[in-house]
């Protein structure tokens, strides 16, 4: 039996290797446009993809036939809009046809391999067929189908003189995890309802199905709560500042507080429906007890601190001292008072309305980075500790979290918080989002808590993604290669309790939606593949090739993205004789770096980097640019030697 297994395994390995080897072969028929896509580049990588002989050519009149099952209209609409916009061809939806162009079929009998979100996609020379057990599977199959089209399918206007050919393939695909999330922080900077819709549109193209909506923080309260009007009259507005968030001068009393915004309850209902139409759930986050300055500025009685009556919504000035690490020292008390019954009444009102607005089963209640220094000296908190037998401040927060969970559960929802809720003891039914590395999630899964993995090491997309000279300054870096190493089910975890993975986009340093896109892509490609595709399918070189194809798609879609993958990695050190040494590396293979020290802009006729550089004695600037062959692909980077000297220290 083992010999038979080995023979079959060897055959399958050879067949798969052959299939992979022909996937990247050019296939341009006579008369085709030279920009026709010649590579199959689906992100995230499907479970199985076999290329067949031949191509499918899109006819002038495209017909889409769907099963009578409910829930397929979204996929029909999506396909119709995308095809008509870019190709100019007529698309019709038909109930019966002799030979429709595209067939969308819900299985009469469940295909156990596919589950609720899997699909089979078959492209043949004369027809395209997508089958699935559920409408969500059809929708995800449609996303893969669109990625088989030439990259021009992403255009927002008709592209002329192109042959709309697709490679013939058989795809079997289904997700590794049911929770595939992106967190969007709309509290630090407000983003409009239409921008949130674009965010959703972008995420579904890569099969993300959960929008974690960070609605409240020190910088803004973004959701209307009826009966608590000051939350949006006061808490949604700050002073507009430009520059580096966290270093702004505190606003004066006369500066207008007109920067911000909020979503009405009707806006929320519209966004929830918009997401559901695209098979995305929205999980709201109300971040408490820390990160609550906007709520406290609106209702100072929610604080333990009398001075809170003078507090204002944060506009980017410094309010925390992180010099000793976490938890930070608060310069103002941005925490709700755990010893104040008004807080729990307030939260009951908020959670009641939030639960009605968001049908998703979870409500995220924050729990991260709550400073303790104001609690430690507060008489109300001391009395609470004595009354409840609490020995430590983490136990005080645990008391708070358990009371909040009871409110959440009473509304028919499940409670989730950041991994700090594990400190001081937590209810066995609480779910955990692990952000401070993987270890907290691993332990929580062993303790039978449901866990979503979202570690800073791999999944914090607000981090710098290239050299600090090119990026808005953030305290850490995360390049694409490291993001691609994310394994949401790490060794040591109990996989039964790992319900999902996600990436987080905090927006302290993100002031507009174009920068949102720049920070997401392409690192969100890597997250998508990490949480959808089998781990054995992950291959960095192949992923880079597919990413470069998707850069072309993003160009046609007019979506901003980061080219940081082409920028050199710069390391500065001192030699034994104290000379400055500059070492360069590239994230991907096949790149050459050219440089100058003479204040001119280098191209490929300048010196090529081959080993550590030592600046000439009087040089003031190092300039770098990256080429692939004869084409510049990286950005021109200018590095003052004085700055490099500081790095070496």
Foldseek 3Di string as FASTA:
>chain_A
DVVVVVVVVVVVVVQQVVQVVCQQAADADPQADPLWDRHQFDFPDFQDKGFDDDKAFDDLEAEEEEDPDPLQVLVLVVVQQLCCFAAVGHYYYDHDDPAGAEYEYADPDADVVAPAQKWKWWGDHRHIYIYHNYNNNSLLVSLSVCSQWRLSSLFRHYDPSHTGMGTGMIGTGYFPFPAEEEEDECQLAHDDLVLVLVVLVVVVSNPHAEYEYEQAFLQAHAEDFPPQRLNFVFLFWAAADDDAFAADDDDDPPGDGPGGYHAYLVSLLVSQVSSVSSNHFYAYEAEAQARANSVCCSPVVQDLDPCSPVGGRDNRYHQWDCPVHPLTAGNDQRGGDLLDVVNLVVLLSVLLSVCVSGVDQEHEYELPSRDCPVLVPGPSNVVVCVVVVNDDVLLSSLSSQASSQVSNVVNRHAYEYELSNPGNHHDLRYAYEYACDCVSVQVNQVSVHQYEYEYPQAAELQAAAADPLPDSDDPHYHHLVRNLPDAQQDPNHDVVRDNYYYHYYDPSPPHDSLVVQASCPPSVSSSSNNRTYDPVPDDVQSNVVSSVSVVSSCVSNVRHYHLRQQPWHWDWAADPVRFIKIDTDHNHPQKWKFKDQPPDFDAPVHDIDDGIDTHPPPGFWMWMWMDRVRHTRGDTGIDTVVVSSVNHD
